[in-house]
Amino acid sequence: AARKAEAERLAPLYRDGAKIREIAAATGRSYGGTRALLLLA
């Protein structure tokens, strides 16, 4: 549930125009991990 909740939290950032790399840097996650969370959402 924590993974799904994080994915749902990050999705609006990307939909509003943020780049995957920007989201990754802001959250301290890797590019690949951030991308995977976005796909999960």
PDB file of all heavy atoms in Angstrom:
ATOM      1  N   ALA A   1       0.817  -1.211   0.000  1.00  0.00           N
ATOM      2  CA  ALA A   1       0.000   0.000   0.000  1.00  0.00           C
ATOM      3  C   ALA A   1       0.855   1.267   0.000  1.00  0.00           C
ATOM      4  O   ALA A   1       0.483   2.266  -0.618  1.00  0.00           O
ATOM      5  CB  ALA A   1      -0.937   0.001   1.202  1.00  0.00           C
ATOM      6  N   ALA A   2       2.019   1.222   0.656  1.00  0.00           N
ATOM      7  CA  ALA A   2       2.892   2.400   0.687  1.00  0.00           C
ATOM      8  C   ALA A   2       3.423   2.722  -0.715  1.00  0.00           C
ATOM      9  O   ALA A   2       3.536   3.885  -1.094  1.00  0.00           O
ATOM     10  CB  ALA A   2       4.055   2.175   1.649  1.00  0.00           C
ATOM     11  N   ARG A   3       3.735   1.679  -1.491  1.00  0.00           N
ATOM     12  CA  ARG A   3       4.219   1.872  -2.868  1.00  0.00           C
ATOM     13  C   ARG A   3       3.125   2.498  -3.737  1.00  0.00           C
ATOM     14  O   ARG A   3       3.365   3.430  -4.486  1.00  0.00           O
ATOM     15  CB  ARG A   3       4.673   0.530  -3.432  1.00  0.00           C
ATOM     16  CG  ARG A   3       5.253   0.615  -4.828  1.00  0.00           C
ATOM     17  CD  ARG A   3       5.847  -0.731  -5.232  1.00  0.00           C
ATOM     18  NE  ARG A   3       6.301  -0.736  -6.584  1.00  0.00           N
ATOM     19  CZ  ARG A   3       7.472  -0.252  -7.001  1.00  0.00           C
ATOM     20  NH1 ARG A   3       8.307   0.249  -6.120  1.00  0.00           N
ATOM     21  NH2 ARG A   3       7.811  -0.273  -8.257  1.00  0.00           N
ATOM     22  N   LYS A   4       1.918   1.983  -3.620  1.00  0.00           N
ATOM     23  CA  LYS A   4       0.796   2.507  -4.398  1.00  0.00           C
ATOM     24  C   LYS A   4       0.486   3.953  -3.998  1.00  0.00           C
ATOM     25  O   LYS A   4       0.227   4.801  -4.848  1.00  0.00           O
ATOM     26  CB  LYS A   4      -0.440   1.608  -4.195  1.00  0.00           C
ATOM     27  CG  LYS A   4      -1.623   1.988  -5.031  1.00  0.00           C
ATOM     28  CD  LYS A   4      -1.372   1.792  -6.517  1.00  0.00           C
ATOM     29  CE  LYS A   4      -2.633   2.091  -7.311  1.00  0.00           C
ATOM     30  NZ  LYS A   4      -2.393   2.138  -8.739  1.00  0.00           N
ATOM     31  N   ALA A   5       0.544   4.240  -2.702  1.00  0.00           N
ATOM     32  CA  ALA A   5       0.275   5.599  -2.224  1.00  0.00           C
ATOM     33  C   ALA A   5       1.317   6.581  -2.757  1.00  0.00           C
ATOM     34  O   ALA A   5       0.981   7.694  -3.180  1.00  0.00           O
ATOM     35  CB  ALA A   5       0.246   5.635  -0.701  1.00  0.00           C
ATOM     36  N   GLU A   6       2.593   6.179  -2.769  1.00  0.00           N
ATOM     37  CA  GLU A   6       3.652   7.044  -3.302  1.00  0.00           C
ATOM     38  C   GLU A   6       3.460   7.249  -4.800  1.00  0.00           C
ATOM     39  O   GLU A   6       3.645   8.352  -5.313  1.00  0.00           O
ATOM     40  CB  GLU A   6       5.030   6.440  -2.999  1.00  0.00           C
ATOM     41  CG  GLU A   6       6.181   7.276  -3.477  1.00  0.00           C
ATOM     42  CD  GLU A   6       6.402   8.576  -2.704  1.00  0.00           C
ATOM     43  OE1 GLU A   6       5.594   8.940  -1.836  1.00  0.00           O
ATOM     44  OE2 GLU A   6       7.412   9.247  -2.984  1.00  0.00           O
ATOM     45  N   ALA A   7       3.071   6.202  -5.497  1.00  0.00           N
ATOM     46  CA  ALA A   7       2.824   6.313  -6.938  1.00  0.00           C
ATOM     47  C   ALA A   7       1.706   7.329  -7.208  1.00  0.00           C
ATOM     48  O   ALA A   7       1.825   8.183  -8.092  1.00  0.00           O
ATOM     49  CB  ALA A   7       2.462   4.946  -7.507  1.00  0.00           C
ATOM     50  N   GLU A   8       0.644   7.259  -6.429  1.00  0.00           N
ATOM     51  CA  GLU A   8      -0.491   8.178  -6.601  1.00  0.00           C
ATOM     52  C   GLU A   8      -0.112   9.609  -6.212  1.00  0.00           C
ATOM     53  O   GLU A   8      -0.653  10.566  -6.759  1.00  0.00           O
ATOM     54  CB  GLU A   8      -1.695   7.701  -5.785  1.00  0.00           C
ATOM     55  CG  GLU A   8      -2.276   6.375  -6.255  1.00  0.00           C
ATOM     56  CD  GLU A   8      -2.815   6.416  -7.683  1.00  0.00           C
ATOM     57  OE1 GLU A   8      -3.278   7.477  -8.129  1.00  0.00           O
ATOM     58  OE2 GLU A   8      -2.755   5.372  -8.347  1.00  0.00           O
ATOM     59  N   ARG A   9       0.823   9.757  -5.302  1.00  0.00           N
ATOM     60  CA  ARG A   9       1.286  11.093  -4.895  1.00  0.00           C
ATOM     61  C   ARG A   9       2.143  11.740  -5.980  1.00  0.00           C
ATOM     62  O   ARG A   9       2.080  12.948  -6.197  1.00  0.00           O
ATOM     63  CB  ARG A   9       2.078  10.984  -3.592  1.00  0.00           C
ATOM     64  CG  ARG A   9       2.487  12.315  -2.998  1.00  0.00           C
ATOM     65  CD  ARG A   9       3.259  12.137  -1.715  1.00  0.00           C
ATOM     66  NE  ARG A   9       4.624  11.711  -1.934  1.00  0.00           N
ATOM     67  CZ  ARG A   9       5.633  12.541  -2.263  1.00  0.00           C
ATOM     68  NH1 ARG A   9       5.398  13.824  -2.386  1.00  0.00           N
ATOM     69  NH2 ARG A   9       6.849  12.079  -2.441  1.00  0.00           N
ATOM     70  N   LEU A  10       2.940  10.930  -6.686  1.00  0.00           N
ATOM     71  CA  LEU A  10       3.842  11.461  -7.707  1.00  0.00           C
ATOM     72  C   LEU A  10       3.151  11.696  -9.047  1.00  0.00           C
ATOM     73  O   LEU A  10       3.562  12.570  -9.813  1.00  0.00           O
ATOM     74  CB  LEU A  10       5.023  10.504  -7.914  1.00  0.00           C
ATOM     75  CG  LEU A  10       5.905  10.243  -6.696  1.00  0.00           C
ATOM     76  CD1 LEU A  10       7.037   9.305  -7.065  1.00  0.00           C
ATOM     77  CD2 LEU A  10       6.433  11.535  -6.114  1.00  0.00           C
ATOM     78  N   ALA A  11       2.113  10.944  -9.347  1.00  0.00           N
ATOM     79  CA  ALA A  11       1.450  11.023 -10.647  1.00  0.00           C
ATOM     80  C   ALA A  11       0.999  12.443 -11.023  1.00  0.00           C
ATOM     81  O   ALA A  11       1.255  12.879 -12.142  1.00  0.00           O
ATOM     82  CB  ALA A  11       0.277  10.050 -10.698  1.00  0.00           C
ATOM     83  N   PRO A  12       0.355  13.192 -10.123  1.00  0.00           N
ATOM     84  CA  PRO A  12      -0.073  14.546 -10.504  1.00  0.00           C
ATOM     85  C   PRO A  12       1.095  15.474 -10.851  1.00  0.00           C
ATOM     86  O   PRO A  12       0.943  16.371 -11.686  1.00  0.00           O
ATOM     87  CB  PRO A  12      -0.816  15.063  -9.272  1.00  0.00           C
ATOM     88  CG  PRO A  12      -1.148  13.864  -8.477  1.00  0.00           C
ATOM     89  CD  PRO A  12      -0.129  12.836  -8.796  1.00  0.00           C
ATOM     90  N   LEU A  13       2.240  15.261 -10.222  1.00  0.00           N
ATOM     91  CA  LEU A  13       3.412  16.091 -10.540  1.00  0.00           C
ATOM     92  C   LEU A  13       3.796  15.919 -12.006  1.00  0.00           C
ATOM     93  O   LEU A  13       4.055  16.892 -12.718  1.00  0.00           O
ATOM     94  CB  LEU A  13       4.593  15.719  -9.641  1.00  0.00           C
ATOM     95  CG  LEU A  13       4.375  15.870  -8.138  1.00  0.00           C
ATOM     96  CD1 LEU A  13       5.571  15.314  -7.374  1.00  0.00           C
ATOM     97  CD2 LEU A  13       4.132  17.323  -7.784  1.00  0.00           C
ATOM     98  N   TYR A  14       3.836  14.665 -12.447  1.00  0.00           N
ATOM     99  CA  TYR A  14       4.200  14.378 -13.835  1.00  0.00           C
ATOM    100  C   TYR A  14       3.112  14.881 -14.793  1.00  0.00           C
ATOM    101  O   TYR A  14       3.406  15.490 -15.813  1.00  0.00           O
ATOM    102  CB  TYR A  14       4.429  12.880 -14.023  1.00  0.00           C
ATOM    103  CG  TYR A  14       4.920  12.528 -15.405  1.00  0.00           C
ATOM    104  CD1 TYR A  14       6.261  12.709 -15.738  1.00  0.00           C
ATOM    105  CD2 TYR A  14       4.063  12.034 -16.366  1.00  0.00           C
ATOM    106  CE1 TYR A  14       6.719  12.395 -17.014  1.00  0.00           C
ATOM    107  CE2 TYR A  14       4.516  11.722 -17.631  1.00  0.00           C
ATOM    108  CZ  TYR A  14       5.845  11.904 -17.950  1.00  0.00           C
ATOM    109  OH  TYR A  14       6.299  11.603 -19.222  1.00  0.00           O
ATOM    110  N   ARG A  15       1.873  14.645 -14.435  1.00  0.00           N
ATOM    111  CA  ARG A  15       0.762  15.086 -15.297  1.00  0.00           C
ATOM    112  C   ARG A  15       0.721  16.612 -15.432  1.00  0.00           C
ATOM    113  O   ARG A  15       0.280  17.139 -16.442  1.00  0.00           O
ATOM    114  CB  ARG A  15      -0.563  14.573 -14.748  1.00  0.00           C
ATOM    115  CG  ARG A  15      -0.737  13.090 -14.934  1.00  0.00           C
ATOM    116  CD  ARG A  15      -2.131  12.633 -14.527  1.00  0.00           C
ATOM    117  NE  ARG A  15      -2.242  11.196 -14.600  1.00  0.00           N
ATOM    118  CZ  ARG A  15      -2.478  10.396 -13.561  1.00  0.00           C
ATOM    119  NH1 ARG A  15      -2.653  10.905 -12.359  1.00  0.00           N
ATOM    120  NH2 ARG A  15      -2.553   9.096 -13.720  1.00  0.00           N
ATOM    121  N   ASP A  16       1.212  17.319 -14.403  1.00  0.00           N
ATOM    122  CA  ASP A  16       1.234  18.779 -14.444  1.00  0.00           C
ATOM    123  C   ASP A  16       2.473  19.332 -15.156  1.00  0.00           C
ATOM    124  O   ASP A  16       2.666  20.542 -15.196  1.00  0.00           O
ATOM    125  CB  ASP A  16       1.155  19.353 -13.027  1.00  0.00           C
ATOM    126  CG  ASP A  16      -0.217  19.167 -12.407  1.00  0.00           C
ATOM    127  OD1 ASP A  16      -1.185  18.900 -13.146  1.00  0.00           O
ATOM    128  OD2 ASP A  16      -0.323  19.280 -11.176  1.00  0.00           O
ATOM    129  N   GLY A  17       3.315  18.436 -15.695  1.00  0.00           N
ATOM    130  CA  GLY A  17       4.422  18.896 -16.520  1.00  0.00           C
ATOM    131  C   GLY A  17       5.822  18.666 -15.986  1.00  0.00           C
ATOM    132  O   GLY A  17       6.795  18.928 -16.685  1.00  0.00           O
ATOM    133  N   ALA A  18       5.952  18.193 -14.749  1.00  0.00           N
ATOM    134  CA  ALA A  18       7.286  17.922 -14.215  1.00  0.00           C
ATOM    135  C   ALA A  18       7.916  16.759 -14.974  1.00  0.00           C
ATOM    136  O   ALA A  18       7.229  15.838 -15.420  1.00  0.00           O
ATOM    137  CB  ALA A  18       7.211  17.596 -12.735  1.00  0.00           C
ATOM    138  N   LYS A  19       9.237  16.800 -15.117  1.00  0.00           N
ATOM    139  CA  LYS A  19       9.975  15.730 -15.775  1.00  0.00           C
ATOM    140  C   LYS A  19      10.269  14.632 -14.760  1.00  0.00           C
ATOM    141  O   LYS A  19      10.348  14.884 -13.554  1.00  0.00           O
ATOM    142  CB  LYS A  19      11.288  16.260 -16.337  1.00  0.00           C
ATOM    143  CG  LYS A  19      11.079  17.324 -17.389  1.00  0.00           C
ATOM    144  CD  LYS A  19      12.404  17.910 -17.813  1.00  0.00           C
ATOM    145  CE  LYS A  19      12.149  19.048 -18.790  1.00  0.00           C
ATOM    146  NZ  LYS A  19      13.360  19.792 -19.104  1.00  0.00           N
ATOM    147  N   ILE A  20      10.450  13.407 -15.267  1.00  0.00           N
ATOM    148  CA  ILE A  20      10.762  12.286 -14.377  1.00  0.00           C
ATOM    149  C   ILE A  20      12.013  12.603 -13.568  1.00  0.00           C
ATOM    150  O   ILE A  20      12.060  12.376 -12.361  1.00  0.00           O
ATOM    151  CB  ILE A  20      10.926  10.975 -15.169  1.00  0.00           C
ATOM    152  CG1 ILE A  20       9.610  10.584 -15.830  1.00  0.00           C
ATOM    153  CG2 ILE A  20      11.410   9.854 -14.242  1.00  0.00           C
ATOM    154  CD1 ILE A  20       9.701   9.363 -16.734  1.00  0.00           C
ATOM    155  N   ARG A  21      13.035  13.156 -14.210  1.00  0.00           N
ATOM    156  CA  ARG A  21      14.279  13.477 -13.504  1.00  0.00           C
ATOM    157  C   ARG A  21      14.051  14.517 -12.406  1.00  0.00           C
ATOM    158  O   ARG A  21      14.669  14.454 -11.343  1.00  0.00           O
ATOM    159  CB  ARG A  21      15.339  13.970 -14.478  1.00  0.00           C
ATOM    160  CG  ARG A  21      15.853  12.868 -15.363  1.00  0.00           C
ATOM    161  CD  ARG A  21      17.199  13.156 -15.960  1.00  0.00           C
ATOM    162  NE  ARG A  21      17.538  12.166 -16.952  1.00  0.00           N
ATOM    163  CZ  ARG A  21      18.006  10.958 -16.677  1.00  0.00           C
ATOM    164  NH1 ARG A  21      18.197  10.602 -15.443  1.00  0.00           N
ATOM    165  NH2 ARG A  21      18.289  10.109 -17.638  1.00  0.00           N
ATOM    166  N   GLU A  22      13.180  15.477 -12.643  1.00  0.00           N
ATOM    167  CA  GLU A  22      12.872  16.493 -11.624  1.00  0.00           C
ATOM    168  C   GLU A  22      12.178  15.860 -10.419  1.00  0.00           C
ATOM    169  O   GLU A  22      12.494  16.181  -9.274  1.00  0.00           O
ATOM    170  CB  GLU A  22      11.993  17.588 -12.221  1.00  0.00           C
ATOM    171  CG  GLU A  22      12.680  18.419 -13.275  1.00  0.00           C
ATOM    172  CD  GLU A  22      11.739  19.355 -14.028  1.00  0.00           C
ATOM    173  OE1 GLU A  22      10.508  19.169 -13.984  1.00  0.00           O
ATOM    174  OE2 GLU A  22      12.268  20.264 -14.683  1.00  0.00           O
ATOM    175  N   ILE A  23      11.225  14.969 -10.694  1.00  0.00           N
ATOM    176  CA  ILE A  23      10.508  14.299  -9.609  1.00  0.00           C
ATOM    177  C   ILE A  23      11.474  13.412  -8.826  1.00  0.00           C
ATOM    178  O   ILE A  23      11.458  13.391  -7.597  1.00  0.00           O
ATOM    179  CB  ILE A  23       9.323  13.480 -10.161  1.00  0.00           C
ATOM    180  CG1 ILE A  23       8.311  14.416 -10.841  1.00  0.00           C
ATOM    181  CG2 ILE A  23       8.654  12.672  -9.054  1.00  0.00           C
ATOM    182  CD1 ILE A  23       7.242  13.696 -11.631  1.00  0.00           C
ATOM    183  N   ALA A  24      12.333  12.697  -9.551  1.00  0.00           N
ATOM    184  CA  ALA A  24      13.309  11.820  -8.899  1.00  0.00           C
ATOM    185  C   ALA A  24      14.226  12.626  -7.980  1.00  0.00           C
ATOM    186  O   ALA A  24      14.473  12.235  -6.835  1.00  0.00           O
ATOM    187  CB  ALA A  24      14.117  11.075  -9.954  1.00  0.00           C
ATOM    188  N   ALA A  25      14.718  13.753  -8.468  1.00  0.00           N
ATOM    189  CA  ALA A  25      15.616  14.586  -7.661  1.00  0.00           C
ATOM    190  C   ALA A  25      14.897  15.141  -6.431  1.00  0.00           C
ATOM    191  O   ALA A  25      15.460  15.177  -5.333  1.00  0.00           O
ATOM    192  CB  ALA A  25      16.178  15.725  -8.507  1.00  0.00           C
ATOM    193  N   ALA A  26      13.657  15.567  -6.608  1.00  0.00           N
ATOM    194  CA  ALA A  26      12.903  16.156  -5.496  1.00  0.00           C
ATOM    195  C   ALA A  26      12.551  15.130  -4.424  1.00  0.00           C
ATOM    196  O   ALA A  26      12.399  15.484  -3.248  1.00  0.00           O
ATOM    197  CB  ALA A  26      11.625  16.808  -6.027  1.00  0.00           C
ATOM    198  N   THR A  27      12.433  13.861  -4.813  1.00  0.00           N
ATOM    199  CA  THR A  27      12.028  12.833  -3.859  1.00  0.00           C
ATOM    200  C   THR A  27      13.187  11.967  -3.387  1.00  0.00           C
ATOM    201  O   THR A  27      12.997  11.112  -2.517  1.00  0.00           O
ATOM    202  CB  THR A  27      10.946  11.917  -4.474  1.00  0.00           C
ATOM    203  OG1 THR A  27      11.476  11.297  -5.655  1.00  0.00           O
ATOM    204  CG2 THR A  27       9.691  12.685  -4.807  1.00  0.00           C
ATOM    205  N   GLY A  28      14.381  12.174  -3.965  1.00  0.00           N
ATOM    206  CA  GLY A  28      15.538  11.369  -3.588  1.00  0.00           C
ATOM    207  C   GLY A  28      15.501   9.963  -4.135  1.00  0.00           C
ATOM    208  O   GLY A  28      16.160   9.070  -3.619  1.00  0.00           O
ATOM    209  N   ARG A  29      14.742   9.740  -5.179  1.00  0.00           N
ATOM    210  CA  ARG A  29      14.625   8.417  -5.794  1.00  0.00           C
ATOM    211  C   ARG A  29      15.401   8.387  -7.107  1.00  0.00           C
ATOM    212  O   ARG A  29      15.723   9.421  -7.668  1.00  0.00           O
ATOM    213  CB  ARG A  29      13.164   8.069  -6.064  1.00  0.00           C
ATOM    214  CG  ARG A  29      12.336   8.059  -4.815  1.00  0.00           C
ATOM    215  CD  ARG A  29      11.002   7.371  -4.997  1.00  0.00           C
ATOM    216  NE  ARG A  29      10.299   7.344  -3.724  1.00  0.00           N
ATOM    217  CZ  ARG A  29      10.569   6.492  -2.748  1.00  0.00           C
ATOM    218  NH1 ARG A  29      11.493   5.595  -2.907  1.00  0.00           N
ATOM    219  NH2 ARG A  29       9.915   6.552  -1.609  1.00  0.00           N
ATOM    220  N   SER A  30      15.645   7.196  -7.595  1.00  0.00           N
ATOM    221  CA  SER A  30      16.325   7.053  -8.880  1.00  0.00           C
ATOM    222  C   SER A  30      15.346   7.348 -10.014  1.00  0.00           C
ATOM    223  O   SER A  30      14.121   7.309  -9.824  1.00  0.00           O
ATOM    224  CB  SER A  30      16.869   5.633  -9.049  1.00  0.00           C
ATOM    225  OG  SER A  30      15.803   4.712  -9.201  1.00  0.00           O
ATOM    226  N   TYR A  31      15.899   7.607 -11.183  1.00  0.00           N
ATOM    227  CA  TYR A  31      15.057   7.822 -12.374  1.00  0.00           C
ATOM    228  C   TYR A  31      14.201   6.585 -12.618  1.00  0.00           C
ATOM    229  O   TYR A  31      12.994   6.683 -12.823  1.00  0.00           O
ATOM    230  CB  TYR A  31      15.953   8.109 -13.593  1.00  0.00           C
ATOM    231  CG  TYR A  31      15.180   8.221 -14.881  1.00  0.00           C
ATOM    232  CD1 TYR A  31      14.717   9.453 -15.316  1.00  0.00           C
ATOM    233  CD2 TYR A  31      14.920   7.105 -15.661  1.00  0.00           C
ATOM    234  CE1 TYR A  31      13.999   9.564 -16.500  1.00  0.00           C
ATOM    235  CE2 TYR A  31      14.204   7.208 -16.837  1.00  0.00           C
ATOM    236  CZ  TYR A  31      13.751   8.432 -17.255  1.00  0.00           C
ATOM    237  OH  TYR A  31      13.041   8.535 -18.422  1.00  0.00           O
ATOM    238  N   GLY A  32      14.840   5.417 -12.608  1.00  0.00           N
ATOM    239  CA  GLY A  32      14.119   4.171 -12.889  1.00  0.00           C
ATOM    240  C   GLY A  32      13.042   3.871 -11.863  1.00  0.00           C
ATOM    241  O   GLY A  32      11.944   3.417 -12.208  1.00  0.00           O
ATOM    242  N   GLY A  33      13.340   4.126 -10.595  1.00  0.00           N
ATOM    243  CA  GLY A  33      12.346   3.899  -9.555  1.00  0.00           C
ATOM    244  C   GLY A  33      11.165   4.846  -9.673  1.00  0.00           C
ATOM    245  O   GLY A  33      10.012   4.452  -9.479  1.00  0.00           O
ATOM    246  N   THR A  34      11.467   6.088 -10.014  1.00  0.00           N
ATOM    247  CA  THR A  34      10.397   7.075 -10.198  1.00  0.00           C
ATOM    248  C   THR A  34       9.539   6.713 -11.394  1.00  0.00           C
ATOM    249  O   THR A  34       8.303   6.773 -11.335  1.00  0.00           O
ATOM    250  CB  THR A  34      10.998   8.482 -10.378  1.00  0.00           C
ATOM    251  OG1 THR A  34      11.782   8.788  -9.217  1.00  0.00           O
ATOM    252  CG2 THR A  34       9.919   9.532 -10.563  1.00  0.00           C
ATOM    253  N   ARG A  35      10.179   6.311 -12.477  1.00  0.00           N
ATOM    254  CA  ARG A  35       9.448   5.909 -13.684  1.00  0.00           C
ATOM    255  C   ARG A  35       8.538   4.724 -13.381  1.00  0.00           C
ATOM    256  O   ARG A  35       7.373   4.691 -13.796  1.00  0.00           O
ATOM    257  CB  ARG A  35      10.437   5.556 -14.790  1.00  0.00           C
ATOM    258  CG  ARG A  35       9.803   5.204 -16.110  1.00  0.00           C
ATOM    259  CD  ARG A  35      10.889   4.870 -17.144  1.00  0.00           C
ATOM    260  NE  ARG A  35      10.318   4.614 -18.445  1.00  0.00           N
ATOM    261  CZ  ARG A  35       9.801   3.447 -18.825  1.00  0.00           C
ATOM    262  NH1 ARG A  35       9.809   2.429 -17.986  1.00  0.00           N
ATOM    263  NH2 ARG A  35       9.293   3.313 -20.031  1.00  0.00           N
ATOM    264  N   ALA A  36       9.057   3.750 -12.643  1.00  0.00           N
ATOM    265  CA  ALA A  36       8.261   2.580 -12.283  1.00  0.00           C
ATOM    266  C   ALA A  36       7.039   2.972 -11.445  1.00  0.00           C
ATOM    267  O   ALA A  36       5.944   2.439 -11.655  1.00  0.00           O
ATOM    268  CB  ALA A  36       9.128   1.574 -11.526  1.00  0.00           C
ATOM    269  N   LEU A  37       7.215   3.894 -10.519  1.00  0.00           N
ATOM    270  CA  LEU A  37       6.084   4.356  -9.710  1.00  0.00           C
ATOM    271  C   LEU A  37       5.039   5.062 -10.568  1.00  0.00           C
ATOM    272  O   LEU A  37       3.835   4.875 -10.363  1.00  0.00           O
ATOM    273  CB  LEU A  37       6.565   5.283  -8.594  1.00  0.00           C
ATOM    274  CG  LEU A  37       7.314   4.607  -7.448  1.00  0.00           C
ATOM    275  CD1 LEU A  37       7.930   5.655  -6.520  1.00  0.00           C
ATOM    276  CD2 LEU A  37       6.404   3.666  -6.673  1.00  0.00           C
ATOM    277  N   LEU A  38       5.482   5.862 -11.523  1.00  0.00           N
ATOM    278  CA  LEU A  38       4.543   6.550 -12.408  1.00  0.00           C
ATOM    279  C   LEU A  38       3.749   5.543 -13.243  1.00  0.00           C
ATOM    280  O   LEU A  38       2.534   5.691 -13.429  1.00  0.00           O
ATOM    281  CB  LEU A  38       5.277   7.543 -13.303  1.00  0.00           C
ATOM    282  CG  LEU A  38       5.886   8.748 -12.582  1.00  0.00           C
ATOM    283  CD1 LEU A  38       6.756   9.553 -13.540  1.00  0.00           C
ATOM    284  CD2 LEU A  38       4.809   9.617 -11.958  1.00  0.00           C
ATOM    285  N   LEU A  39       4.425   4.522 -13.742  1.00  0.00           N
ATOM    286  CA  LEU A  39       3.735   3.490 -14.514  1.00  0.00           C
ATOM    287  C   LEU A  39       2.746   2.726 -13.646  1.00  0.00           C
ATOM    288  O   LEU A  39       1.641   2.397 -14.095  1.00  0.00           O
ATOM    289  CB  LEU A  39       4.748   2.541 -15.153  1.00  0.00           C
ATOM    290  CG  LEU A  39       5.601   3.143 -16.265  1.00  0.00           C
ATOM    291  CD1 LEU A  39       6.673   2.162 -16.717  1.00  0.00           C
ATOM    292  CD2 LEU A  39       4.745   3.595 -17.441  1.00  0.00           C
ATOM    293  N   LEU A  40       3.123   2.465 -12.396  1.00  0.00           N
ATOM    294  CA  LEU A  40       2.224   1.802 -11.456  1.00  0.00           C
ATOM    295  C   LEU A  40       0.941   2.619 -11.259  1.00  0.00           C
ATOM    296  O   LEU A  40      -0.144   2.070 -11.134  1.00  0.00           O
ATOM    297  CB  LEU A  40       2.924   1.595 -10.110  1.00  0.00           C
ATOM    298  CG  LEU A  40       2.098   0.983  -8.991  1.00  0.00           C
ATOM    299  CD1 LEU A  40       1.694  -0.441  -9.329  1.00  0.00           C
ATOM    300  CD2 LEU A  40       2.865   1.029  -7.683  1.00  0.00           C
ATOM    301  N   ALA A  41       1.088   3.945 -11.272  1.00  0.00           N
ATOM    302  CA  ALA A  41      -0.071   4.830 -11.094  1.00  0.00           C
ATOM    303  C   ALA A  41      -0.902   4.972 -12.367  1.00  0.00           C
ATOM    304  O   ALA A  41      -1.916   5.660 -12.374  1.00  0.00           O
ATOM    305  CB  ALA A  41       0.401   6.208 -10.636  1.00  0.00           C
TER     306      ALA A  41
END
